[in-house]
Amino acid sequence: MIGKIMKAASFSRCVHYVTGKEDARILASDGVLLTTTQDIIDSFEFQRQMNPRISKPVGHIALSFLPEDKDKLTDETMTKIAREYMELMGIKDTQFLLVRHFDNGNPHCHLVYNRINNEGKTITDQNDFRRNEQVTKQLKRKYGLTFSKGKGHTKTDRLRGTERTKYEIYRIVINTLAQSTSWKEFVGHLKEEGVEMKLVMRRKDSRAPKDIQGICFTKDGYTFKASQIRRGMAFDKMDAVIKKNAHKAQQEAKGNQPQTRHYEQPKEEPNSKQQERNEPSIGIPSLGLFDSNNPVYDPAEEEFRRQMLRKKKKRGPRL
């Protein structure tokens, strides 16, 4: 189960879309006249006038389920799940229309609701994408629905345009990152795969790595922020992965050399700030990553970073 959140300005276009599909079936509604399609539209439009300042009063959420759950999803069950979803998302005391579609292999329904509630107030959309993710997971557990296997199992033949390019970048970046032991190596391998990487800098003029705001990737004319490709794909986390790879490569190289006995000098305990900098948290689950307490200093690598930073303007590229 996933929820795709959309907002729009036109109730007419949205209602015509959800009700105009072949075999479209209205499962539930509240506060709208169902006599004709135009009556549904007029009902929504009448209430939106209570708060005309809102430019996008149309709430539209597609709730889609996996084919494996088709037998479980009777109209009654789908309606129950959708109503619970609305409650948990704070979509209440407002007009709505719930319509089921049968135009692809995935059982799904469309929820159209008025973001202007019955009292003329706006239904908040704060953190709605994050809340949507949490709510759908909660409902999947409650109703025993199938969890998807992640992006690694995405059916790329169904993707088109920007979504296909975004997935291709994701695949290339993850595979390349897992094998790179330096940023120079990482950027070079990306270019070989047709992906350009650029650093996005903060507005203040500084060349220190701490002033790197993020990363963007370009392929086939499309540019995306790293966070648009995958949540958690931040510069510091990717940097930690590369350092860990470099450390591992050094350890393996040492393991292939004849061992000699030596005495270790006592090490100074790092202060709390140093320790904090040396212990980045990794959050790209598909790599099964790690925390690195032994960042590797490589003069050539530091010089390459400085060269990358010198190429940037005071303001990073606009996305």
Protein backbone atom coordinates (compact mmCIF):
# COMPACT_ATOMS: atom_id res chain seq x y z
CA MET A 1 0.00 0.00 0.00
CA ILE A 2 1.30 3.42 -0.94
CA GLY A 3 -0.30 6.84 -0.95
CA LYS A 4 0.48 9.31 -3.70
CA ILE A 5 -0.36 12.83 -2.53
CA MET A 6 -1.37 15.54 -4.99
CA LYS A 7 -2.85 19.02 -4.73
CA ALA A 8 -4.58 20.95 -7.48
CA ALA A 9 -6.58 24.08 -8.25
CA SER A 10 -9.40 22.56 -10.31
CA PHE A 11 -12.08 20.32 -8.83
CA SER A 12 -13.58 19.96 -12.29
CA ARG A 13 -10.52 18.35 -13.83
CA CYS A 14 -9.91 16.08 -10.84
CA VAL A 15 -13.51 14.88 -10.50
CA HIS A 16 -13.82 14.25 -14.24
CA TYR A 17 -10.65 12.16 -14.08
CA VAL A 18 -11.59 9.94 -11.14
CA THR A 19 -15.21 9.41 -12.21
CA GLY A 20 -14.55 9.16 -15.94
CA LYS A 21 -12.44 5.99 -15.92
CA GLU A 22 -14.01 2.80 -17.27
CA ASP A 23 -15.78 0.83 -14.50
CA ALA A 24 -15.01 3.59 -11.96
CA ARG A 25 -17.00 2.86 -8.80
CA ILE A 26 -17.88 5.36 -6.08
CA LEU A 27 -17.21 3.68 -2.72
CA ALA A 28 -18.02 6.49 -0.30
CA SER A 29 -18.64 10.21 -0.11
CA ASP A 30 -19.67 12.96 2.28
CA GLY A 31 -20.99 16.47 1.71
CA VAL A 32 -21.36 16.24 -2.07
CA LEU A 33 -24.35 15.64 -4.33
CA LEU A 34 -23.90 12.53 -6.45
CA THR A 35 -26.73 13.09 -8.94
CA THR A 36 -24.38 14.06 -11.78
CA THR A 37 -20.66 14.72 -12.20
CA GLN A 38 -21.39 18.44 -12.39
CA ASP A 39 -23.31 18.27 -9.10
CA ILE A 40 -20.23 16.76 -7.45
CA ILE A 41 -18.03 19.53 -8.84
CA ASP A 42 -20.47 22.27 -7.83
CA SER A 43 -20.62 20.88 -4.29
CA PHE A 44 -16.86 21.11 -3.92
CA GLU A 45 -16.71 24.54 -5.56
CA PHE A 46 -19.42 25.96 -3.29
CA GLN A 47 -17.46 25.08 -0.15
CA ARG A 48 -14.12 26.29 -1.51
CA GLN A 49 -15.58 29.81 -1.64
CA MET A 50 -15.49 29.85 2.16
CA ASN A 51 -11.73 30.38 1.86
CA PRO A 52 -10.94 31.69 -1.65
CA ARG A 53 -7.37 32.65 -0.72
CA ILE A 54 -6.23 29.02 -0.98
CA SER A 55 -4.94 28.56 -4.53
CA LYS A 56 -4.96 24.73 -4.41
CA PRO A 57 -8.03 23.59 -2.48
CA VAL A 58 -8.17 20.18 -4.16
CA GLY A 59 -6.75 17.30 -2.14
CA HIS A 60 -6.20 14.19 -4.25
CA ILE A 61 -4.60 11.01 -2.90
CA ALA A 62 -4.25 7.76 -4.82
CA LEU A 63 -4.12 4.73 -2.52
CA SER A 64 -2.55 1.82 -4.36
CA PHE A 65 -2.11 -1.79 -3.23
CA LEU A 66 -0.02 -4.70 -4.49
CA PRO A 67 -1.63 -7.40 -6.71
CA GLU A 68 -0.88 -9.99 -4.00
CA ASP A 69 -3.55 -8.34 -1.82
CA LYS A 70 -6.27 -8.28 -4.48
CA ASP A 71 -8.39 -11.02 -2.87
CA LYS A 72 -8.39 -9.20 0.47
CA LEU A 73 -9.50 -5.89 -0.98
CA THR A 74 -13.25 -6.04 -1.31
CA ASP A 75 -14.99 -2.70 -1.76
CA GLU A 76 -15.92 -2.79 1.92
CA THR A 77 -12.35 -3.43 3.09
CA MET A 78 -10.85 -0.82 0.77
CA THR A 79 -13.38 1.74 2.02
CA LYS A 80 -12.59 0.90 5.64
CA ILE A 81 -8.84 1.27 5.04
CA ALA A 82 -9.34 4.57 3.19
CA ARG A 83 -11.49 6.00 5.98
CA GLU A 84 -8.91 5.03 8.60
CA TYR A 85 -6.22 6.57 6.42
CA MET A 86 -8.17 9.84 6.31
CA GLU A 87 -8.62 9.86 10.07
CA LEU A 88 -4.93 9.23 10.75
CA MET A 89 -3.91 11.90 8.21
CA GLY A 90 -6.20 14.48 9.81
CA ILE A 91 -8.55 14.65 6.82
CA LYS A 92 -11.82 15.09 8.68
CA ASP A 93 -14.89 17.34 8.86
CA THR A 94 -14.73 18.02 5.14
CA GLN A 95 -16.22 16.93 1.81
CA PHE A 96 -14.74 13.89 0.13
CA LEU A 97 -15.28 11.42 -2.69
CA LEU A 98 -13.73 7.93 -2.76
CA VAL A 99 -13.62 6.18 -6.15
CA ARG A 100 -12.21 2.77 -7.03
CA HIS A 101 -10.46 2.13 -10.37
CA PHE A 102 -9.82 -1.12 -12.24
CA ASP A 103 -7.59 0.13 -15.07
CA ASN A 104 -4.34 -1.61 -14.06
CA GLY A 105 -3.11 -4.68 -12.22
CA ASN A 106 -2.84 -2.93 -8.86
CA PRO A 107 -6.02 -2.54 -6.78
CA HIS A 108 -6.35 1.18 -6.09
CA CYS A 109 -8.72 3.99 -5.27
CA HIS A 110 -8.72 7.77 -5.51
CA LEU A 111 -9.60 10.04 -2.62
CA VAL A 112 -10.69 13.54 -3.60
CA TYR A 113 -11.32 15.90 -0.69
CA ASN A 114 -11.80 19.59 -0.05
CA ARG A 115 -8.83 21.13 1.73
CA ILE A 116 -11.28 23.79 2.95
CA ASN A 117 -13.18 22.03 5.73
CA ASN A 118 -16.80 22.48 6.76
CA GLU A 119 -15.89 25.50 8.92
CA GLY A 120 -13.94 27.26 6.19
CA LYS A 121 -10.53 26.40 7.69
CA THR A 122 -7.65 24.86 5.77
CA ILE A 123 -6.73 21.25 6.44
CA THR A 124 -3.02 21.31 7.18
CA ASP A 125 -0.56 19.65 4.84
CA GLN A 126 2.42 20.06 7.16
CA ASN A 127 4.75 17.05 6.91
CA ASP A 128 2.05 15.25 4.95
CA PHE A 129 4.51 13.17 2.90
CA ARG A 130 6.25 11.89 6.02
CA ARG A 131 2.96 11.26 7.80
CA ASN A 132 1.66 9.48 4.71
CA GLU A 133 4.59 7.05 4.83
CA GLN A 134 4.05 6.32 8.51
CA VAL A 135 0.28 5.89 8.17
CA THR A 136 0.46 3.52 5.20
CA LYS A 137 2.97 1.33 7.05
CA GLN A 138 0.72 1.28 10.09
CA LEU A 139 -2.30 0.22 8.03
CA LYS A 140 -0.34 -2.44 6.16
CA ARG A 141 0.61 -4.04 9.46
CA LYS A 142 -2.91 -3.80 10.85
CA TYR A 143 -4.58 -5.39 7.81
CA GLY A 144 -1.80 -7.85 6.98
CA LEU A 145 -1.06 -6.28 3.61
CA THR A 146 2.04 -7.05 1.58
CA PHE A 147 5.11 -4.85 2.00
CA SER A 148 6.91 -4.00 -1.22
CA LYS A 149 10.52 -5.14 -1.65
CA GLY A 150 11.88 -1.65 -2.27
CA LYS A 151 13.45 0.15 -5.21
CA GLY A 152 15.75 -2.74 -5.95
CA HIS A 153 12.71 -4.57 -7.34
CA THR A 154 11.14 -1.66 -9.23
CA LYS A 155 9.69 -2.65 -12.59
CA THR A 156 11.64 -0.18 -14.69
CA ASP A 157 9.76 -1.01 -17.88
CA ARG A 158 6.73 0.76 -16.39
CA LEU A 159 8.65 3.93 -15.57
CA ARG A 160 8.63 6.86 -17.97
CA GLY A 161 10.35 10.23 -18.32
CA THR A 162 11.78 11.75 -15.16
CA GLU A 163 10.82 8.79 -12.96
CA ARG A 164 12.76 6.38 -15.16
CA THR A 165 15.81 8.69 -15.19
CA LYS A 166 15.59 9.15 -11.43
CA TYR A 167 15.61 5.40 -10.89
CA GLU A 168 18.54 4.93 -13.28
CA ILE A 169 20.53 7.57 -11.37
CA TYR A 170 19.65 5.86 -8.09
CA ARG A 171 20.89 2.49 -9.36
CA ILE A 172 24.12 3.92 -10.79
CA VAL A 173 24.91 6.04 -7.70
CA ILE A 174 24.29 3.22 -5.21
CA ASN A 175 26.31 0.67 -7.16
CA THR A 176 29.17 3.12 -7.77
CA LEU A 177 29.23 4.39 -4.18
CA ALA A 178 29.52 0.86 -2.80
CA GLN A 179 32.76 0.34 -4.75
CA SER A 180 34.43 3.77 -4.59
CA THR A 181 37.35 4.51 -2.28
CA SER A 182 37.68 8.22 -3.14
CA TRP A 183 35.50 11.05 -4.43
CA LYS A 184 37.65 11.30 -7.54
CA GLU A 185 37.01 7.65 -8.29
CA PHE A 186 33.30 8.04 -7.53
CA VAL A 187 32.84 11.06 -9.83
CA GLY A 188 34.87 9.39 -12.58
CA HIS A 189 32.80 6.20 -12.54
CA LEU A 190 29.57 8.24 -12.57
CA LYS A 191 30.72 10.05 -15.72
CA GLU A 192 31.42 6.72 -17.37
CA GLU A 193 27.80 5.79 -16.70
CA GLY A 194 26.51 9.11 -18.07
CA VAL A 195 25.80 10.79 -14.72
CA GLU A 196 27.22 14.21 -13.82
CA MET A 197 27.61 15.18 -10.17
CA LYS A 198 27.80 18.74 -8.82
CA LEU A 199 28.12 20.13 -5.31
CA VAL A 200 25.53 22.60 -4.07
CA MET A 201 27.12 25.23 -1.85
CA ARG A 202 25.69 27.38 0.88
CA ARG A 203 25.31 31.07 0.14
CA LYS A 204 28.20 32.26 2.27
CA ASP A 205 31.56 32.30 0.52
CA SER A 206 33.63 29.50 2.00
CA ARG A 207 35.51 26.55 0.55
CA ALA A 208 35.43 24.37 3.63
CA PRO A 209 33.67 21.00 3.26
CA LYS A 210 31.34 21.93 6.12
CA ASP A 211 29.77 24.54 3.80
CA ILE A 212 28.62 21.95 1.27
CA GLN A 213 24.83 22.08 1.30
CA GLY A 214 24.18 19.05 -0.86
CA ILE A 215 24.68 17.22 -4.14
CA CYS A 216 22.77 17.14 -7.41
CA PHE A 217 22.94 14.61 -10.22
CA THR A 218 22.27 15.15 -13.93
CA LYS A 219 21.45 12.50 -16.54
CA ASP A 220 19.76 12.73 -19.94
CA GLY A 221 19.04 16.42 -19.39
CA TYR A 222 17.28 15.91 -16.03
CA THR A 223 18.75 17.25 -12.78
CA PHE A 224 17.76 16.07 -9.31
CA LYS A 225 18.85 16.84 -5.79
CA ALA A 226 20.30 13.80 -4.04
CA SER A 227 17.39 13.89 -1.59
CA GLN A 228 14.98 13.60 -4.52
CA ILE A 229 16.72 10.41 -5.61
CA ARG A 230 16.67 8.79 -2.18
CA ARG A 231 16.11 10.12 1.32
CA GLY A 232 19.33 9.97 3.32
CA MET A 233 21.58 10.39 0.29
CA ALA A 234 23.37 13.39 1.86
CA PHE A 235 26.96 14.50 1.26
CA ASP A 236 28.23 13.66 4.75
CA LYS A 237 26.69 10.18 4.65
CA MET A 238 28.10 9.43 1.21
CA ASP A 239 31.45 10.81 2.35
CA ALA A 240 31.41 8.39 5.29
CA VAL A 241 30.75 5.48 2.93
CA ILE A 242 33.71 6.43 0.74
CA LYS A 243 35.99 6.80 3.77
CA LYS A 244 34.91 3.42 5.07
CA ASN A 245 35.63 1.85 1.67
CA ALA A 246 39.08 3.47 1.65
CA HIS A 247 39.80 2.26 5.18
CA LYS A 248 38.73 -1.25 4.28
CA ALA A 249 40.94 -1.21 1.18
CA GLN A 250 43.91 -0.07 3.28
CA GLN A 251 43.31 -2.83 5.82
CA GLU A 252 43.12 -5.44 3.09
CA ALA A 253 46.34 -4.12 1.56
CA LYS A 254 48.08 -4.36 4.92
CA GLY A 255 46.81 -7.89 5.33
CA ASN A 256 48.66 -8.90 2.17
CA GLN A 257 51.99 -7.56 3.46
CA PRO A 258 54.43 -9.46 5.76
CA GLN A 259 53.56 -8.65 9.34
CA THR A 260 56.21 -7.06 11.57
CA ARG A 261 56.10 -6.61 15.32
CA HIS A 262 55.87 -3.01 16.44
CA TYR A 263 54.87 -1.07 19.51
CA GLU A 264 51.86 1.22 19.40
CA GLN A 265 52.10 4.71 20.77
CA PRO A 266 49.37 5.64 23.25
CA LYS A 267 46.53 7.47 21.53
CA GLU A 268 45.01 10.68 22.77
CA GLU A 269 41.33 10.53 23.59
CA PRO A 270 39.43 12.73 21.14
CA ASN A 271 37.30 15.48 22.55
CA SER A 272 33.53 15.30 22.13
CA LYS A 273 33.43 17.55 19.05
CA GLN A 274 36.13 15.57 17.26
CA GLN A 275 34.42 12.32 18.13
CA GLU A 276 31.12 13.64 16.85
CA ARG A 277 32.67 14.61 13.52
CA ASN A 278 34.27 11.18 13.16
CA GLU A 279 31.06 9.24 13.78
CA PRO A 280 28.61 10.03 10.98
CA SER A 281 25.28 8.25 10.94
CA ILE A 282 24.57 6.31 7.76
CA GLY A 283 21.01 6.09 6.50
CA ILE A 284 20.92 4.44 3.07
CA PRO A 285 19.35 1.11 3.99
CA SER A 286 19.78 -0.57 0.61
CA LEU A 287 23.57 -0.59 1.14
CA GLY A 288 23.45 -2.05 4.63
CA LEU A 289 25.91 0.63 5.67
CA PHE A 290 27.83 1.36 8.80
CA ASP A 291 29.30 3.98 11.11
CA SER A 292 32.97 4.82 10.56
CA ASN A 293 35.18 5.63 13.52
CA ASN A 294 38.36 5.59 11.43
CA PRO A 295 38.07 8.17 8.66
CA VAL A 296 41.00 7.94 6.25
CA TYR A 297 42.97 11.05 5.40
CA ASP A 298 44.20 11.07 1.84
CA PRO A 299 46.05 14.21 0.65
CA ALA A 300 45.17 13.50 -2.98
CA GLU A 301 41.51 13.09 -2.02
CA GLU A 302 41.50 16.39 -0.11
CA GLU A 303 43.07 18.15 -3.09
CA PHE A 304 40.39 16.74 -5.39
CA ARG A 305 37.68 18.06 -3.07
CA ARG A 306 39.25 21.51 -3.09
CA GLN A 307 39.32 21.43 -6.89
CA MET A 308 35.62 20.55 -6.96
CA LEU A 309 34.80 23.39 -4.58
CA ARG A 310 36.81 25.96 -6.54
CA LYS A 311 34.64 25.28 -9.58
CA LYS A 312 31.49 26.31 -7.71
CA LYS A 313 30.14 29.86 -7.62
CA LYS A 314 29.21 31.54 -4.39
CA ARG A 315 25.69 30.32 -4.91
CA GLY A 316 25.18 26.72 -5.84
CA PRO A 317 23.43 25.69 -9.05
CA ARG A 318 19.71 26.38 -9.08
CA LEU A 319 17.66 23.22 -9.32
